Amino acid sequence: MRKLMILAGLLGPALALAGPVDINTADASTLARELDGIGLARAQAIVEYRQRNGKFSSIDEVLNVKGIGPQVLEKNRANLKLRDASK
């Protein structure tokens, strides 16, 4: 029981930091870690799309990324944000 309490104490701050991910600034490892159904390959595809086409102007634009479909988007919509959509 004591080990669980220690583990909870160590993880608590890290879990508290999790929140919406800015798809215009997050790197691939952050995207893969924070989003459901997004592994490193899809996360890298998001970053590459952003590098080729500029910043996303809407959350729905992520559907243009190969491998990202409506189900993945809806699963993650509440955890995605756009802080700076200016291209």
PDB file of N, CA and C in Angstrom:
ATOM      1  N   MET A   1       0.822  -1.195   0.000  1.00  0.00           N
ATOM      2  CA  MET A   1       0.000   0.000   0.000  1.00  0.00           C
ATOM      3  C   MET A   1       0.868   1.262   0.000  1.00  0.00           C
ATOM      4  N   ARG A   2       1.950   1.212   0.749  1.00  0.00           N
ATOM      5  CA  ARG A   2       2.827   2.376   0.820  1.00  0.00           C
ATOM      6  C   ARG A   2       3.434   2.687  -0.555  1.00  0.00           C
ATOM      7  N   LYS A   3       3.782   1.624  -1.312  1.00  0.00           N
ATOM      8  CA  LYS A   3       4.348   1.835  -2.640  1.00  0.00           C
ATOM      9  C   LYS A   3       3.346   2.521  -3.560  1.00  0.00           C
ATOM     10  N   LEU A   4       2.068   2.147  -3.440  1.00  0.00           N
ATOM     11  CA  LEU A   4       1.033   2.793  -4.255  1.00  0.00           C
ATOM     12  C   LEU A   4       0.903   4.264  -3.914  1.00  0.00           C
ATOM     13  N   MET A   5       0.987   4.583  -2.647  1.00  0.00           N
ATOM     14  CA  MET A   5       0.878   5.988  -2.224  1.00  0.00           C
ATOM     15  C   MET A   5       2.054   6.796  -2.758  1.00  0.00           C
ATOM     16  N   ILE A   6       3.239   6.202  -2.714  1.00  0.00           N
ATOM     17  CA  ILE A   6       4.420   6.893  -3.231  1.00  0.00           C
ATOM     18  C   ILE A   6       4.292   7.090  -4.741  1.00  0.00           C
ATOM     19  N   LEU A   7       3.870   6.029  -5.433  1.00  0.00           N
ATOM     20  CA  LEU A   7       3.690   6.120  -6.877  1.00  0.00           C
ATOM     21  C   LEU A   7       2.654   7.180  -7.246  1.00  0.00           C
ATOM     22  N   ALA A   8       1.550   7.211  -6.531  1.00  0.00           N
ATOM     23  CA  ALA A   8       0.511   8.213  -6.785  1.00  0.00           C
ATOM     24  C   ALA A   8       1.059   9.621  -6.557  1.00  0.00           C
ATOM     25  N   GLY A   9       1.879   9.784  -5.556  1.00  0.00           N
ATOM     26  CA  GLY A   9       2.483  11.078  -5.276  1.00  0.00           C
ATOM     27  C   GLY A   9       3.419  11.527  -6.378  1.00  0.00           C
ATOM     28  N   LEU A  10       4.124  10.568  -6.963  1.00  0.00           N
ATOM     29  CA  LEU A  10       5.051  10.899  -8.042  1.00  0.00           C
ATOM     30  C   LEU A  10       4.333  11.182  -9.357  1.00  0.00           C
ATOM     31  N   LEU A  11       3.265  10.439  -9.617  1.00  0.00           N
ATOM     32  CA  LEU A  11       2.535  10.606 -10.868  1.00  0.00           C
ATOM     33  C   LEU A  11       1.543  11.758 -10.838  1.00  0.00           C
ATOM     34  N   GLY A  12       1.078  12.129  -9.690  1.00  0.00           N
ATOM     35  CA  GLY A  12       0.068  13.181  -9.565  1.00  0.00           C
ATOM     36  C   GLY A  12       0.411  14.450 -10.321  1.00  0.00           C
ATOM     37  N   PRO A  13       1.602  15.024 -10.092  1.00  0.00           N
ATOM     38  CA  PRO A  13       1.951  16.252 -10.824  1.00  0.00           C
ATOM     39  C   PRO A  13       2.002  16.053 -12.326  1.00  0.00           C
ATOM     40  N   ALA A  14       2.498  14.918 -12.783  1.00  0.00           N
ATOM     41  CA  ALA A  14       2.574  14.669 -14.222  1.00  0.00           C
ATOM     42  C   ALA A  14       1.185  14.551 -14.822  1.00  0.00           C
ATOM     43  N   LEU A  15       0.275  13.877 -14.132  1.00  0.00           N
ATOM     44  CA  LEU A  15      -1.082  13.738 -14.631  1.00  0.00           C
ATOM     45  C   LEU A  15      -1.806  15.074 -14.633  1.00  0.00           C
ATOM     46  N   ALA A  16      -1.493  15.916 -13.696  1.00  0.00           N
ATOM     47  CA  ALA A  16      -2.140  17.222 -13.623  1.00  0.00           C
ATOM     48  C   ALA A  16      -1.730  18.111 -14.800  1.00  0.00           C
ATOM     49  N   LEU A  17      -0.551  17.863 -15.376  1.00  0.00           N
ATOM     50  CA  LEU A  17      -0.079  18.682 -16.482  1.00  0.00           C
ATOM     51  C   LEU A  17      -0.724  18.306 -17.807  1.00  0.00           C
ATOM     52  N   ALA A  18      -1.277  17.095 -17.892  1.00  0.00           N
ATOM     53  CA  ALA A  18      -1.907  16.670 -19.143  1.00  0.00           C
ATOM     54  C   ALA A  18      -3.114  17.557 -19.427  1.00  0.00           C
ATOM     55  N   GLY A  19      -3.262  17.910 -20.652  1.00  0.00           N
ATOM     56  CA  GLY A  19      -4.379  18.771 -21.020  1.00  0.00           C
ATOM     57  C   GLY A  19      -4.447  18.862 -22.525  1.00  0.00           C
ATOM     58  N   PRO A  20      -5.206  19.806 -23.019  1.00  0.00           N
ATOM     59  CA  PRO A  20      -5.315  19.948 -24.471  1.00  0.00           C
ATOM     60  C   PRO A  20      -3.944  20.141 -25.130  1.00  0.00           C
ATOM     61  N   VAL A  21      -3.796  19.555 -26.298  1.00  0.00           N
ATOM     62  CA  VAL A  21      -2.550  19.601 -27.050  1.00  0.00           C
ATOM     63  C   VAL A  21      -2.733  20.563 -28.220  1.00  0.00           C
ATOM     64  N   ASP A  22      -1.816  21.484 -28.371  1.00  0.00           N
ATOM     65  CA  ASP A  22      -1.863  22.432 -29.478  1.00  0.00           C
ATOM     66  C   ASP A  22      -1.248  21.763 -30.705  1.00  0.00           C
ATOM     67  N   ILE A  23      -2.077  21.462 -31.696  1.00  0.00           N
ATOM     68  CA  ILE A  23      -1.570  20.756 -32.875  1.00  0.00           C
ATOM     69  C   ILE A  23      -0.705  21.645 -33.764  1.00  0.00           C
ATOM     70  N   ASN A  24      -0.646  22.935 -33.468  1.00  0.00           N
ATOM     71  CA  ASN A  24       0.220  23.828 -34.228  1.00  0.00           C
ATOM     72  C   ASN A  24       1.614  23.952 -33.637  1.00  0.00           C
ATOM     73  N   THR A  25       1.817  23.456 -32.421  1.00  0.00           N
ATOM     74  CA  THR A  25       3.133  23.605 -31.797  1.00  0.00           C
ATOM     75  C   THR A  25       3.691  22.315 -31.225  1.00  0.00           C
ATOM     76  N   ALA A  26       2.861  21.317 -30.962  1.00  0.00           N
ATOM     77  CA  ALA A  26       3.332  20.090 -30.320  1.00  0.00           C
ATOM     78  C   ALA A  26       4.240  19.295 -31.249  1.00  0.00           C
ATOM     79  N   ASP A  27       5.266  18.683 -30.665  1.00  0.00           N
ATOM     80  CA  ASP A  27       6.125  17.805 -31.455  1.00  0.00           C
ATOM     81  C   ASP A  27       5.497  16.413 -31.540  1.00  0.00           C
ATOM     82  N   ALA A  28       6.092  15.560 -32.357  1.00  0.00           N
ATOM     83  CA  ALA A  28       5.515  14.238 -32.614  1.00  0.00           C
ATOM     84  C   ALA A  28       5.424  13.394 -31.339  1.00  0.00           C
ATOM     85  N   SER A  29       6.424  13.439 -30.502  1.00  0.00           N
ATOM     86  CA  SER A  29       6.376  12.605 -29.294  1.00  0.00           C
ATOM     87  C   SER A  29       5.262  13.058 -28.357  1.00  0.00           C
ATOM     88  N   THR A  30       5.023  14.349 -28.267  1.00  0.00           N
ATOM     89  CA  THR A  30       3.928  14.860 -27.440  1.00  0.00           C
ATOM     90  C   THR A  30       2.583  14.444 -28.010  1.00  0.00           C
ATOM     91  N   LEU A  31       2.416  14.580 -29.304  1.00  0.00           N
ATOM     92  CA  LEU A  31       1.164  14.176 -29.943  1.00  0.00           C
ATOM     93  C   LEU A  31       0.898  12.690 -29.717  1.00  0.00           C
ATOM     94  N   ALA A  32       1.916  11.866 -29.905  1.00  0.00           N
ATOM     95  CA  ALA A  32       1.753  10.417 -29.731  1.00  0.00           C
ATOM     96  C   ALA A  32       1.424  10.064 -28.291  1.00  0.00           C
ATOM     97  N   ARG A  33       2.025  10.758 -27.363  1.00  0.00           N
ATOM     98  CA  ARG A  33       1.817  10.479 -25.939  1.00  0.00           C
ATOM     99  C   ARG A  33       0.439  10.928 -25.461  1.00  0.00           C
ATOM    100  N   GLU A  34      -0.037  12.054 -25.948  1.00  0.00           N
ATOM    101  CA  GLU A  34      -1.240  12.663 -25.398  1.00  0.00           C
ATOM    102  C   GLU A  34      -2.539  12.298 -26.118  1.00  0.00           C
ATOM    103  N   LEU A  35      -2.455  11.802 -27.351  1.00  0.00           N
ATOM    104  CA  LEU A  35      -3.662  11.571 -28.130  1.00  0.00           C
ATOM    105  C   LEU A  35      -3.959  10.080 -28.280  1.00  0.00           C
ATOM    106  N   ASP A  36      -5.235   9.723 -28.196  1.00  0.00           N
ATOM    107  CA  ASP A  36      -5.669   8.340 -28.350  1.00  0.00           C
ATOM    108  C   ASP A  36      -5.651   7.934 -29.819  1.00  0.00           C
ATOM    109  N   GLY A  37      -5.114   6.756 -30.087  1.00  0.00           N
ATOM    110  CA  GLY A  37      -5.102   6.247 -31.448  1.00  0.00           C
ATOM    111  C   GLY A  37      -4.066   6.894 -32.335  1.00  0.00           C
ATOM    112  N   ILE A  38      -3.176   7.685 -31.744  1.00  0.00           N
ATOM    113  CA  ILE A  38      -2.118   8.355 -32.490  1.00  0.00           C
ATOM    114  C   ILE A  38      -0.783   7.818 -31.999  1.00  0.00           C
ATOM    115  N   GLY A  39      -0.166   7.012 -32.840  1.00  0.00           N
ATOM    116  CA  GLY A  39       1.170   6.517 -32.524  1.00  0.00           C
ATOM    117  C   GLY A  39       2.198   7.473 -33.094  1.00  0.00           C
ATOM    118  N   LEU A  40       3.440   7.078 -32.993  1.00  0.00           N
ATOM    119  CA  LEU A  40       4.507   7.961 -33.452  1.00  0.00           C
ATOM    120  C   LEU A  40       4.436   8.233 -34.958  1.00  0.00           C
ATOM    121  N   ALA A  41       4.051   7.234 -35.748  1.00  0.00           N
ATOM    122  CA  ALA A  41       3.974   7.442 -37.202  1.00  0.00           C
ATOM    123  C   ALA A  41       2.899   8.468 -37.561  1.00  0.00           C
ATOM    124  N   ARG A  42       1.722   8.354 -36.978  1.00  0.00           N
ATOM    125  CA  ARG A  42       0.653   9.335 -37.260  1.00  0.00           C
ATOM    126  C   ARG A  42       1.021  10.704 -36.716  1.00  0.00           C
ATOM    127  N   ALA A  43       1.641  10.722 -35.555  1.00  0.00           N
ATOM    128  CA  ALA A  43       2.059  11.995 -34.966  1.00  0.00           C
ATOM    129  C   ALA A  43       3.079  12.687 -35.870  1.00  0.00           C
ATOM    130  N   GLN A  44       4.006  11.919 -36.415  1.00  0.00           N
ATOM    131  CA  GLN A  44       4.998  12.495 -37.323  1.00  0.00           C
ATOM    132  C   GLN A  44       4.322  12.997 -38.593  1.00  0.00           C
ATOM    133  N   ALA A  45       3.283  12.284 -39.051  1.00  0.00           N
ATOM    134  CA  ALA A  45       2.541  12.733 -40.235  1.00  0.00           C
ATOM    135  C   ALA A  45       1.865  14.078 -39.963  1.00  0.00           C
ATOM    136  N   ILE A  46       1.361  14.281 -38.761  1.00  0.00           N
ATOM    137  CA  ILE A  46       0.748  15.566 -38.388  1.00  0.00           C
ATOM    138  C   ILE A  46       1.795  16.676 -38.453  1.00  0.00           C
ATOM    139  N   VAL A  47       2.959  16.428 -37.871  1.00  0.00           N
ATOM    140  CA  VAL A  47       4.029  17.430 -37.871  1.00  0.00           C
ATOM    141  C   VAL A  47       4.489  17.730 -39.301  1.00  0.00           C
ATOM    142  N   GLU A  48       4.654  16.702 -40.118  1.00  0.00           N
ATOM    143  CA  GLU A  48       5.086  16.903 -41.502  1.00  0.00           C
ATOM    144  C   GLU A  48       4.042  17.676 -42.308  1.00  0.00           C
ATOM    145  N   TYR A  49       2.766  17.373 -42.094  1.00  0.00           N
ATOM    146  CA  TYR A  49       1.702  18.115 -42.774  1.00  0.00           C
ATOM    147  C   TYR A  49       1.794  19.598 -42.403  1.00  0.00           C
ATOM    148  N   ARG A  50       1.975  19.859 -41.122  1.00  0.00           N
ATOM    149  CA  ARG A  50       2.070  21.238 -40.632  1.00  0.00           C
ATOM    150  C   ARG A  50       3.278  21.947 -41.236  1.00  0.00           C
ATOM    151  N   GLN A  51       4.388  21.239 -41.373  1.00  0.00           N
ATOM    152  CA  GLN A  51       5.592  21.843 -41.953  1.00  0.00           C
ATOM    153  C   GLN A  51       5.398  22.156 -43.437  1.00  0.00           C
ATOM    154  N   ARG A  52       4.699  21.284 -44.162  1.00  0.00           N
ATOM    155  CA  ARG A  52       4.468  21.482 -45.606  1.00  0.00           C
ATOM    156  C   ARG A  52       3.403  22.527 -45.902  1.00  0.00           C
ATOM    157  N   ASN A  53       2.358  22.567 -45.069  1.00  0.00           N
ATOM    158  CA  ASN A  53       1.177  23.371 -45.381  1.00  0.00           C
ATOM    159  C   ASN A  53       0.950  24.564 -44.469  1.00  0.00           C
ATOM    160  N   GLY A  54       1.787  24.742 -43.492  1.00  0.00           N
ATOM    161  CA  GLY A  54       1.589  25.812 -42.527  1.00  0.00           C
ATOM    162  C   GLY A  54       0.713  25.333 -41.384  1.00  0.00           C
ATOM    163  N   LYS A  55       0.495  26.212 -40.449  1.00  0.00           N
ATOM    164  CA  LYS A  55      -0.273  25.864 -39.262  1.00  0.00           C
ATOM    165  C   LYS A  55      -1.713  25.512 -39.609  1.00  0.00           C
ATOM    166  N   PHE A  56      -2.286  24.643 -38.797  1.00  0.00           N
ATOM    167  CA  PHE A  56      -3.686  24.270 -38.975  1.00  0.00           C
ATOM    168  C   PHE A  56      -4.559  25.480 -38.683  1.00  0.00           C
ATOM    169  N   SER A  57      -5.557  25.706 -39.508  1.00  0.00           N
ATOM    170  CA  SER A  57      -6.473  26.828 -39.278  1.00  0.00           C
ATOM    171  C   SER A  57      -7.732  26.383 -38.549  1.00  0.00           C
ATOM    172  N   SER A  58      -7.955  25.069 -38.490  1.00  0.00           N
ATOM    173  CA  SER A  58      -9.078  24.534 -37.722  1.00  0.00           C
ATOM    174  C   SER A  58      -8.729  23.122 -37.270  1.00  0.00           C
ATOM    175  N   ILE A  59      -9.379  22.669 -36.238  1.00  0.00           N
ATOM    176  CA  ILE A  59      -9.180  21.303 -35.746  1.00  0.00           C
ATOM    177  C   ILE A  59      -9.547  20.304 -36.846  1.00  0.00           C
ATOM    178  N   ASP A  60     -10.608  20.575 -37.584  1.00  0.00           N
ATOM    179  CA  ASP A  60     -11.057  19.659 -38.631  1.00  0.00           C
ATOM    180  C   ASP A  60     -10.032  19.472 -39.741  1.00  0.00           C
ATOM    181  N   GLU A  61      -9.131  20.410 -39.917  1.00  0.00           N
ATOM    182  CA  GLU A  61      -8.115  20.303 -40.962  1.00  0.00           C
ATOM    183  C   GLU A  61      -7.191  19.105 -40.740  1.00  0.00           C
ATOM    184  N   VAL A  62      -7.131  18.606 -39.517  1.00  0.00           N
ATOM    185  CA  VAL A  62      -6.292  17.440 -39.230  1.00  0.00           C
ATOM    186  C   VAL A  62      -6.772  16.214 -40.019  1.00  0.00           C
ATOM    187  N   LEU A  63      -8.000  16.252 -40.501  1.00  0.00           N
ATOM    188  CA  LEU A  63      -8.511  15.163 -41.341  1.00  0.00           C
ATOM    189  C   LEU A  63      -7.768  15.066 -42.669  1.00  0.00           C
ATOM    190  N   ASN A  64      -7.059  16.111 -43.059  1.00  0.00           N
ATOM    191  CA  ASN A  64      -6.270  16.092 -44.290  1.00  0.00           C
ATOM    192  C   ASN A  64      -4.973  15.298 -44.140  1.00  0.00           C
ATOM    193  N   VAL A  65      -4.632  14.947 -42.909  1.00  0.00           N
ATOM    194  CA  VAL A  65      -3.413  14.188 -42.643  1.00  0.00           C
ATOM    195  C   VAL A  65      -3.683  12.711 -42.904  1.00  0.00           C
ATOM    196  N   LYS A  66      -2.843  12.095 -43.722  1.00  0.00           N
ATOM    197  CA  LYS A  66      -3.004  10.679 -44.036  1.00  0.00           C
ATOM    198  C   LYS A  66      -2.971   9.861 -42.739  1.00  0.00           C
ATOM    199  N   GLY A  67      -3.976   9.003 -42.581  1.00  0.00           N
ATOM    200  CA  GLY A  67      -4.050   8.148 -41.399  1.00  0.00           C
ATOM    201  C   GLY A  67      -4.935   8.687 -40.292  1.00  0.00           C
ATOM    202  N   ILE A  68      -5.417   9.915 -40.455  1.00  0.00           N
ATOM    203  CA  ILE A  68      -6.309  10.504 -39.456  1.00  0.00           C
ATOM    204  C   ILE A  68      -7.707  10.544 -40.052  1.00  0.00           C
ATOM    205  N   GLY A  69      -8.607   9.789 -39.465  1.00  0.00           N
ATOM    206  CA  GLY A  69      -9.976   9.752 -39.943  1.00  0.00           C
ATOM    207  C   GLY A  69     -10.932  10.364 -38.933  1.00  0.00           C
ATOM    208  N   PRO A  70     -12.206  10.403 -39.281  1.00  0.00           N
ATOM    209  CA  PRO A  70     -13.208  11.021 -38.411  1.00  0.00           C
ATOM    210  C   PRO A  70     -13.279  10.402 -37.015  1.00  0.00           C
ATOM    211  N   GLN A  71     -13.115   9.096 -36.911  1.00  0.00           N
ATOM    212  CA  GLN A  71     -13.195   8.461 -35.590  1.00  0.00           C
ATOM    213  C   GLN A  71     -12.043   8.894 -34.698  1.00  0.00           C
ATOM    214  N   VAL A  72     -10.847   8.939 -35.249  1.00  0.00           N
ATOM    215  CA  VAL A  72      -9.682   9.370 -34.466  1.00  0.00           C
ATOM    216  C   VAL A  72      -9.849  10.829 -34.055  1.00  0.00           C
ATOM    217  N   LEU A  73     -10.316  11.650 -34.981  1.00  0.00           N
ATOM    218  CA  LEU A  73     -10.529  13.064 -34.662  1.00  0.00           C
ATOM    219  C   LEU A  73     -11.542  13.223 -33.541  1.00  0.00           C
ATOM    220  N   GLU A  74     -12.678  12.563 -33.650  1.00  0.00           N
ATOM    221  CA  GLU A  74     -13.715  12.713 -32.630  1.00  0.00           C
ATOM    222  C   GLU A  74     -13.261  12.204 -31.273  1.00  0.00           C
ATOM    223  N   LYS A  75     -12.470  11.144 -31.282  1.00  0.00           N
ATOM    224  CA  LYS A  75     -11.951  10.597 -30.031  1.00  0.00           C
ATOM    225  C   LYS A  75     -11.043  11.607 -29.326  1.00  0.00           C
ATOM    226  N   ASN A  76     -10.409  12.478 -30.102  1.00  0.00           N
ATOM    227  CA  ASN A  76      -9.424  13.418 -29.558  1.00  0.00           C
ATOM    228  C   ASN A  76      -9.851  14.874 -29.589  1.00  0.00           C
ATOM    229  N   ARG A  77     -11.001  15.177 -30.163  1.00  0.00           N
ATOM    230  CA  ARG A  77     -11.408  16.571 -30.356  1.00  0.00           C
ATOM    231  C   ARG A  77     -11.310  17.409 -29.076  1.00  0.00           C
ATOM    232  N   ALA A  78     -11.751  16.860 -27.954  1.00  0.00           N
ATOM    233  CA  ALA A  78     -11.738  17.614 -26.690  1.00  0.00           C
ATOM    234  C   ALA A  78     -10.325  17.853 -26.182  1.00  0.00           C
ATOM    235  N   ASN A  79      -9.363  17.087 -26.687  1.00  0.00           N
ATOM    236  CA  ASN A  79      -7.986  17.215 -26.221  1.00  0.00           C
ATOM    237  C   ASN A  79      -7.104  17.939 -27.235  1.00  0.00           C
ATOM    238  N   LEU A  80      -7.699  18.533 -28.258  1.00  0.00           N
ATOM    239  CA  LEU A  80      -6.954  19.295 -29.252  1.00  0.00           C
ATOM    240  C   LEU A  80      -7.282  20.766 -29.144  1.00  0.00           C
ATOM    241  N   LYS A  81      -6.283  21.602 -29.370  1.00  0.00           N
ATOM    242  CA  LYS A  81      -6.519  23.052 -29.393  1.00  0.00           C
ATOM    243  C   LYS A  81      -5.634  23.687 -30.434  1.00  0.00           C
ATOM    244  N   LEU A  82      -5.997  24.887 -30.811  1.00  0.00           N
ATOM    245  CA  LEU A  82      -5.204  25.724 -31.729  1.00  0.00           C
ATOM    246  C   LEU A  82      -4.914  27.030 -31.018  1.00  0.00           C
ATOM    247  N   ARG A  83      -3.730  27.193 -30.576  1.00  0.00           N
ATOM    248  CA  ARG A  83      -3.392  28.448 -29.897  1.00  0.00           C
ATOM    249  C   ARG A  83      -3.103  29.548 -30.907  1.00  0.00           C
ATOM    250  N   ASP A  84      -2.431  29.168 -31.991  1.00  0.00           N
ATOM    251  CA  ASP A  84      -2.039  30.173 -32.972  1.00  0.00           C
ATOM    252  C   ASP A  84      -2.284  29.610 -34.358  1.00  0.00           C
ATOM    253  N   ALA A  85      -3.364  30.018 -34.960  1.00  0.00           N
ATOM    254  CA  ALA A  85      -3.736  29.479 -36.268  1.00  0.00           C
ATOM    255  C   ALA A  85      -3.255  30.378 -37.413  1.00  0.00           C
ATOM    256  N   SER A  86      -2.560  31.442 -37.120  1.00  0.00           N
ATOM    257  CA  SER A  86      -2.097  32.316 -38.210  1.00  0.00           C
ATOM    258  C   SER A  86      -0.983  31.626 -38.975  1.00  0.00           C
ATOM    259  N   LYS A  87      -1.082  31.683 -40.290  1.00  0.00           N
ATOM    260  CA  LYS A  87      -0.088  31.005 -41.121  1.00  0.00           C
ATOM    261  C   LYS A  87       0.974  31.992 -41.415  1.00  0.00           C
TER     262      LYS A  87
END
